[in-house]
C-alpha cells in the first residue's frame, strides 16, 4: 500500500493527478437517463431508460419544477433541476453519487422533496448527462459552486441552504462548505479521501491526496450529519467513521446491513426521520452538543471514550460513540 501511495505521489509530481483521478473516480452512466430540450426561453427534461423509452416523472402539485442550465468557472454548461416546494423554507443542494445523473435521480429527488417538505436543487457534473466538459475533481468543485450561485440568484438565503452529498458528491459538498456560508451539511455514504482507499490512516496533509474530505471537514463551521451503511463495499463505513472523528459535535447514524446505495430503500422510514430531525434542529438553532431521543452524542473528547453503539428497534445503530482512537489517529 505504501508503494502505491508513493506511485500516486510521483504521478502527481508529474502533473498527471487529474488524469488519473478522472479515469479512476468518475463513471458517467451510459446511456444517460435524460435529455434536455430548449422550449423558447425555458428548458424541458425528458426522462429515459436504458432502452430509450420515456419514463413518466413524478408530479407533485405543490412542487414546481424549474429546469435550467448554468455555466461554471471552467466554462462547462451544466443542467440544474430545481424542485421548488411552495410550502418550505429549506432548500437542499444535492450532489449525486457516481454512475448516475440527474435523470436517473429525478423521481427519487422529487419524492424526497415531498417527503422532507423541502425544496431541492440537483445539478449535473461536467461530462455527465447533458453537461459539457470533462469530469474531474476541480470541475466538480466548480459545478457545485455554479449550482450554489443559481440558488443565491433565486434569492434563497444561505441560512436556508443545506448541502447534501452522496458518495463522491460528498467531495463537492465538503469543498463548497469551506468556501461559502450554509446552514448545514448532510453526507451520505461519504469518502474520507482518495488515499483512504489504500491506506487506513494517511497523512491529512498529503498534498497529492484526491478528494481530501478528511482535511476539509475540519474547516466546516456548520452542523454536519453523516450516515453510512456498515456493509458498504464501495466506500467502507470506516470512511464515515474517520470523518466523524474530525467533527467537534458529531451527528452520525450507522445503518447495519446497508450497502452503498440502499440506505434509503432498506431503511426508508428512519432515513427520512433522521434527516427531518437534523433539519428541525437547524431550524430551532439547537445544534450544539446534541441531545436527542437516542441519547447524548456529546463532544468528540467524550465520545472517544466508548466504542459501543445503541441498537434501536428499527435495527439502525445511532452512535453516541465515535470510533476508537486507532481510527482517529492524527498525523
Protein backbone atom coordinates (compact mmCIF):
# COMPACT_ATOMS: atom_id res chain seq x y z
CA UNK A 1 0.00 0.00 0.00
CA UNK A 2 2.85 2.37 0.79
CA UNK A 3 4.32 1.59 -2.63
CA UNK A 4 1.05 2.50 -4.33
CA UNK A 5 0.86 5.74 -2.35
CA UNK A 6 4.41 6.58 -3.44
CA UNK A 7 3.39 5.91 -7.04
CA UNK A 8 0.46 8.33 -6.71
CA UNK A 9 2.79 10.95 -5.29
CA UNK A 10 5.16 10.56 -8.24
CA UNK A 11 2.29 10.71 -10.74
CA UNK A 12 1.05 13.91 -9.11
CA UNK A 13 4.52 15.44 -9.26
CA UNK A 14 4.49 14.81 -13.00
CA UNK A 15 1.26 16.76 -13.31
CA UNK A 16 -0.88 13.71 -14.06
CA UNK A 17 -3.02 13.68 -10.92
CA UNK A 18 -6.15 14.99 -12.69
CA UNK A 19 -5.79 12.45 -15.50
CA UNK A 20 -5.52 9.54 -13.06
CA UNK A 21 -8.39 10.83 -10.92
CA UNK A 22 -10.62 11.37 -13.94
CA UNK A 23 -10.13 7.81 -15.18
CA UNK A 24 -10.40 6.12 -11.79
CA UNK A 25 -13.04 8.12 -9.94
CA UNK A 26 -15.69 9.14 -12.47
CA UNK A 27 -18.14 6.83 -14.24
CA UNK A 28 -20.85 8.74 -16.13
CA UNK A 29 -23.78 6.39 -16.83
CA UNK A 30 -24.12 5.15 -20.38
CA UNK A 31 -26.70 5.58 -21.68
CA UNK A 32 -27.65 8.71 -19.82
CA UNK A 33 -31.01 8.91 -18.09
CA UNK A 34 -32.44 12.05 -19.67
CA UNK A 35 -32.46 14.60 -22.44
CA UNK A 36 -32.94 18.35 -22.14
CA UNK A 37 -34.64 20.45 -24.79
CA UNK A 38 -34.95 24.21 -25.06
CA UNK A 39 -38.56 25.39 -25.21
CA UNK A 40 -38.34 29.08 -26.05
CA UNK A 41 -36.74 30.73 -23.03
CA UNK A 42 -37.13 27.68 -20.80
CA UNK A 43 -35.99 24.05 -20.79
CA UNK A 44 -37.81 20.73 -20.66
CA UNK A 45 -36.36 17.49 -19.30
CA UNK A 46 -37.33 14.09 -20.72
CA UNK A 47 -36.51 11.02 -18.61
CA UNK A 48 -35.43 7.90 -20.50
CA UNK A 49 -34.47 4.35 -19.55
CA UNK A 50 -31.61 2.22 -20.89
CA UNK A 51 -33.74 1.29 -23.93
CA UNK A 52 -34.55 4.93 -24.74
CA UNK A 53 -38.13 4.53 -23.52
CA UNK A 54 -39.68 7.62 -21.92
CA UNK A 55 -40.20 7.46 -18.15
CA UNK A 56 -43.02 9.50 -16.68
CA UNK A 57 -41.80 11.82 -13.93
CA UNK A 58 -43.40 12.05 -10.51
CA UNK A 59 -45.56 15.16 -10.36
CA UNK A 60 -46.42 16.87 -7.08
CA UNK A 61 -48.89 19.79 -7.24
CA UNK A 62 -47.12 21.91 -4.62
CA UNK A 63 -43.65 21.35 -6.08
CA UNK A 64 -42.75 23.50 -9.08
CA UNK A 65 -40.01 22.03 -11.28
CA UNK A 66 -37.62 24.51 -12.88
CA UNK A 67 -35.11 23.18 -15.42
CA UNK A 68 -32.21 25.43 -16.36
CA UNK A 69 -28.51 25.49 -17.17
CA UNK A 70 -25.60 27.30 -15.57
CA UNK A 71 -22.08 27.99 -16.74
CA UNK A 72 -19.22 27.09 -14.40
CA UNK A 73 -15.88 28.79 -13.81
CA UNK A 74 -14.33 26.10 -16.04
CA UNK A 75 -16.80 27.04 -18.82
CA UNK A 76 -18.83 23.84 -18.58
CA UNK A 77 -22.54 24.27 -19.21
CA UNK A 78 -24.38 22.03 -16.75
CA UNK A 79 -28.11 21.35 -16.28
CA UNK A 80 -29.79 22.02 -12.95
CA UNK A 81 -33.26 20.92 -11.86
CA UNK A 82 -34.90 22.89 -9.07
CA UNK A 83 -37.75 21.19 -7.22
CA UNK A 84 -39.27 24.25 -5.58
CA UNK A 85 -41.58 23.30 -2.72
CA UNK A 86 -44.08 26.12 -2.39
CA UNK A 87 -44.52 25.49 1.34
CA UNK A 88 -40.92 25.19 2.50
CA UNK A 89 -38.10 27.49 3.52
CA UNK A 90 -35.22 24.98 3.44
CA UNK A 91 -33.50 24.02 0.19
CA UNK A 92 -31.18 21.04 -0.21
CA UNK A 93 -28.38 21.45 -2.74
CA UNK A 94 -27.93 17.82 -3.78
CA UNK A 95 -24.63 16.44 -5.15
CA UNK A 96 -25.42 12.98 -6.51
CA UNK A 97 -23.22 9.89 -6.46
CA UNK A 98 -21.20 8.23 -9.18
CA UNK A 99 -22.61 6.20 -12.09
CA UNK A 100 -25.84 8.19 -12.08
CA UNK A 101 -27.15 11.52 -13.35
CA UNK A 102 -30.00 13.94 -12.71
CA UNK A 103 -32.33 11.96 -14.95
CA UNK A 104 -31.80 8.70 -13.09
CA UNK A 105 -32.15 10.59 -9.79
CA UNK A 106 -35.16 12.70 -10.84
CA UNK A 107 -38.03 10.71 -9.35
CA UNK A 108 -36.12 9.96 -6.15
CA UNK A 109 -35.38 13.67 -5.68
CA UNK A 110 -38.99 14.63 -6.40
CA UNK A 111 -40.19 12.13 -3.79
CA UNK A 112 -37.54 13.27 -1.31
CA UNK A 113 -38.63 16.90 -1.66
CA UNK A 114 -42.21 15.84 -0.98
CA UNK A 115 -41.38 13.60 2.00
CA UNK A 116 -38.98 16.04 3.69
CA UNK A 117 -41.14 19.06 2.83
CA UNK A 118 -38.15 20.92 1.37
CA UNK A 119 -37.03 22.31 -1.96
CA UNK A 120 -34.15 20.51 -3.69
CA UNK A 121 -31.74 21.64 -6.38
CA UNK A 122 -29.88 18.84 -8.12
CA UNK A 123 -27.11 19.67 -10.56
CA UNK A 124 -25.10 17.72 -13.11
CA UNK A 125 -21.37 17.11 -13.10
CA UNK A 126 -19.27 18.20 -16.06
CA UNK A 127 -19.14 15.36 -18.59
CA UNK A 128 -22.23 13.65 -17.16
CA UNK A 129 -25.60 13.52 -18.90
CA UNK A 130 -26.23 16.67 -20.93
CA UNK A 131 -23.41 18.63 -19.28
CA UNK A 132 -20.49 19.77 -21.39
CA UNK A 133 -16.85 19.48 -20.35
CA UNK A 134 -14.99 16.58 -18.80
CA UNK A 135 -15.46 15.09 -15.34
CA UNK A 136 -12.68 15.92 -12.91
CA UNK A 137 -12.19 16.80 -9.28
CA UNK A 138 -11.73 20.50 -9.93
CA UNK A 139 -14.61 20.63 -12.39
CA UNK A 140 -16.86 19.01 -9.77
CA UNK A 141 -15.96 21.79 -7.34
CA UNK A 142 -16.81 24.48 -9.87
CA UNK A 143 -20.02 22.63 -10.79
CA UNK A 144 -21.44 22.81 -7.27
CA UNK A 145 -20.28 26.41 -6.89
CA UNK A 146 -22.28 27.33 -10.00
CA UNK A 147 -25.31 25.48 -8.61
CA UNK A 148 -24.99 27.38 -5.33
CA UNK A 149 -24.86 30.66 -7.24
CA UNK A 150 -28.08 29.63 -9.01
CA UNK A 151 -29.81 29.35 -5.64
CA UNK A 152 -28.46 32.70 -4.49
CA UNK A 153 -29.78 34.23 -7.72
CA UNK A 154 -33.15 32.69 -6.83
CA UNK A 155 -32.95 34.84 -3.68
CA UNK A 156 -32.51 31.84 -1.38
CA UNK A 157 -30.68 32.99 1.75
CA UNK A 158 -27.66 30.93 2.82
CA UNK A 159 -29.23 30.23 6.22
CA UNK A 160 -31.88 28.13 4.44
CA UNK A 161 -29.44 26.13 2.26
CA UNK A 162 -28.38 22.61 3.30
CA UNK A 163 -25.70 20.83 1.27
CA UNK A 164 -26.36 17.12 0.65
CA UNK A 165 -23.54 15.00 -0.78
CA UNK A 166 -23.92 11.31 -1.61
CA UNK A 167 -20.88 9.12 -2.26
CA UNK A 168 -18.43 11.07 -4.44
CA UNK A 169 -20.80 14.02 -4.14
CA UNK A 170 -19.55 14.37 -0.57
CA UNK A 171 -16.31 15.76 -2.02
CA UNK A 172 -18.15 18.54 -3.85
CA UNK A 173 -20.13 19.36 -0.70
CA UNK A 174 -17.12 19.43 1.64
CA UNK A 175 -15.24 21.70 -0.75
CA UNK A 176 -18.09 24.19 -1.12
CA UNK A 177 -18.85 24.17 2.61
CA UNK A 178 -15.36 25.54 3.29
CA UNK A 179 -15.91 28.48 0.93
CA UNK A 180 -19.47 29.75 1.43
CA UNK A 181 -21.97 30.18 4.21
CA UNK A 182 -24.60 27.45 4.53
CA UNK A 183 -26.93 26.22 7.27
CA UNK A 184 -25.86 22.59 7.39
CA UNK A 185 -24.25 19.61 5.67
CA UNK A 186 -25.53 16.06 5.11
CA UNK A 187 -23.02 13.43 3.99
CA UNK A 188 -24.50 10.16 2.71
CA UNK A 189 -22.02 7.26 2.34
CA UNK A 190 -19.12 9.73 2.08
CA UNK A 191 -15.47 9.09 1.33
CA UNK A 192 -12.78 10.33 3.70
CA UNK A 193 -10.29 10.86 0.88
CA UNK A 194 -8.80 9.10 -2.11
CA UNK A 195 -5.84 7.83 -0.09
CA UNK A 196 -8.16 6.19 2.44
CA UNK A 197 -8.89 3.51 -0.16
CA UNK A 198 -5.28 2.31 0.01
CA UNK A 199 -4.22 3.44 3.48
CA UNK A 200 -6.45 3.40 6.56
CA UNK A 201 -4.61 6.31 8.14
CA UNK A 202 -2.90 8.50 5.53
CA UNK A 203 -1.47 11.88 6.38
CA UNK A 204 -4.18 14.52 6.17
CA UNK A 205 -1.59 16.97 4.86
CA UNK A 206 -0.60 14.82 1.84
CA UNK A 207 -0.71 17.35 -0.99
CA UNK A 208 -1.29 14.67 -3.64
CA UNK A 209 -4.44 13.33 -1.96
CA UNK A 210 -7.59 13.45 -4.09
CA UNK A 211 -10.95 14.43 -2.62
CA UNK A 212 -9.45 15.28 0.81
CA UNK A 213 -12.71 15.46 2.78
CA UNK A 214 -10.84 14.41 5.92
CA UNK A 215 -8.90 17.68 5.80
CA UNK A 216 -11.68 19.99 4.61
CA UNK A 217 -14.29 18.81 7.10
CA UNK A 218 -12.30 20.41 9.93
CA UNK A 219 -12.86 23.79 8.26
CA UNK A 220 -16.64 23.47 8.04
CA UNK A 221 -18.36 25.66 10.63
CA UNK A 222 -21.97 24.47 10.31
CA UNK A 223 -23.67 21.32 11.72
CA UNK A 224 -22.83 18.07 9.90
CA UNK A 225 -24.90 14.87 9.72
CA UNK A 226 -23.14 11.72 8.46
CA UNK A 227 -24.89 8.45 7.57
CA UNK A 228 -23.24 5.25 6.35
CA UNK A 229 -24.15 1.60 5.81
CA UNK A 230 -21.98 -0.86 7.73
CA UNK A 231 -21.94 -3.29 4.77
CA UNK A 232 -20.82 -0.70 2.23
CA UNK A 233 -18.24 -2.40 0.00
CA UNK A 234 -17.70 0.54 -2.37
CA UNK A 235 -16.82 3.14 0.27
CA UNK A 236 -16.40 1.28 3.58
CA UNK A 237 -18.10 2.79 6.62
CA UNK A 238 -14.64 3.38 8.10
CA UNK A 239 -14.53 6.43 5.81
CA UNK A 240 -17.60 7.81 7.56
CA UNK A 241 -16.10 6.98 10.94
CA UNK A 242 -12.89 8.81 10.08
CA UNK A 243 -14.86 11.92 9.13
CA UNK A 244 -16.95 11.77 12.30
CA UNK A 245 -13.73 11.74 14.32
CA UNK A 246 -12.85 15.15 12.88
CA UNK A 247 -16.13 16.83 13.82
CA UNK A 248 -16.37 18.72 17.09
CA UNK A 249 -20.07 17.97 17.55
CA UNK A 250 -20.88 14.85 15.53
CA UNK A 251 -24.31 13.65 14.44
CA UNK A 252 -23.73 10.18 12.94
CA UNK A 253 -26.06 7.31 12.03
CA UNK A 254 -24.83 3.84 11.06
CA UNK A 255 -27.18 1.50 9.20
CA UNK A 256 -26.42 -2.20 9.83
CA UNK A 257 -26.55 -4.45 6.75
CA UNK A 258 -27.00 -1.46 4.46
CA UNK A 259 -24.67 -1.11 1.50
CA UNK A 260 -23.57 1.85 -0.57
CA UNK A 261 -26.79 2.72 -2.38
CA UNK A 262 -29.63 1.16 -0.39
CA UNK A 263 -29.94 3.04 2.92
CA UNK A 264 -32.90 4.98 1.58
CA UNK A 265 -34.54 1.73 0.40
CA UNK A 266 -33.90 -0.67 3.29
CA UNK A 267 -34.43 1.97 5.98
CA UNK A 268 -36.71 4.44 4.23
CA UNK A 269 -38.73 5.44 7.30
CA UNK A 270 -35.80 6.02 9.64
CA UNK A 271 -33.75 7.57 6.80
CA UNK A 272 -36.41 10.25 6.39
CA UNK A 273 -36.91 10.64 10.14
CA UNK A 274 -33.22 11.25 10.86
CA UNK A 275 -32.86 13.85 8.11
CA UNK A 276 -36.03 15.55 9.37
CA UNK A 277 -34.62 15.59 12.92
CA UNK A 278 -31.44 17.19 11.64
CA UNK A 279 -33.34 19.85 9.70
CA UNK A 280 -35.57 20.56 12.68
CA UNK A 281 -32.54 21.03 14.93
CA UNK A 282 -31.08 23.51 12.47
CA UNK A 283 -34.42 25.33 12.28
CA UNK A 284 -34.51 25.53 16.07
CA UNK A 285 -30.86 26.60 16.15
CA UNK A 286 -30.13 23.99 18.81
CA UNK A 287 -27.22 22.13 17.28
CA UNK A 288 -24.55 22.30 19.96
CA UNK A 289 -23.68 19.14 21.87
CA UNK A 290 -26.64 17.16 20.55
CA UNK A 291 -29.31 15.65 22.77
CA UNK A 292 -31.98 13.53 21.12
CA UNK A 293 -34.22 10.56 21.81
CA UNK A 294 -31.32 8.19 21.24
CA UNK A 295 -29.10 9.79 23.88
CA UNK A 296 -26.46 12.45 24.02
CA UNK A 297 -23.89 12.30 21.27
CA UNK A 298 -21.76 14.86 23.07
CA UNK A 299 -18.40 16.32 22.19
CA UNK A 300 -15.67 14.38 20.44
CA UNK A 301 -13.45 14.15 23.53
CA UNK A 302 -16.26 12.44 25.44
CA UNK A 303 -17.34 10.27 22.53
CA UNK A 304 -13.91 8.71 22.04
CA UNK A 305 -14.11 7.15 25.50
CA UNK A 306 -16.52 4.46 24.31
CA UNK A 307 -16.69 2.09 21.35
CA UNK A 308 -20.20 0.64 21.77
CA UNK A 309 -23.35 1.60 19.88
CA UNK A 310 -27.07 1.50 20.58
CA UNK A 311 -29.38 -0.63 18.53
CA UNK A 312 -32.91 0.67 18.15
CA UNK A 313 -35.91 -1.48 17.30
CA UNK A 314 -35.54 -0.26 13.73
CA UNK A 315 -32.18 -2.08 13.70
CA UNK A 316 -30.36 1.15 12.96
CA UNK A 317 -27.42 1.98 15.19
CA UNK A 318 -27.25 5.61 16.26
CA UNK A 319 -23.77 6.11 17.55
CA UNK A 320 -23.45 8.03 20.72
CA UNK A 321 -19.97 6.73 20.20
CA UNK A 322 -17.24 7.76 17.91
CA UNK A 323 -14.84 5.11 16.59
CA UNK A 324 -11.73 4.12 18.53
CA UNK A 325 -8.59 6.21 18.82
CA UNK A 326 -6.95 3.88 16.32
CA UNK A 327 -9.33 5.18 13.65
CA UNK A 328 -8.83 8.74 14.83
CA UNK A 329 -5.03 8.89 14.84
CA UNK A 330 -3.62 12.26 13.87
CA UNK A 331 -0.71 12.90 11.54
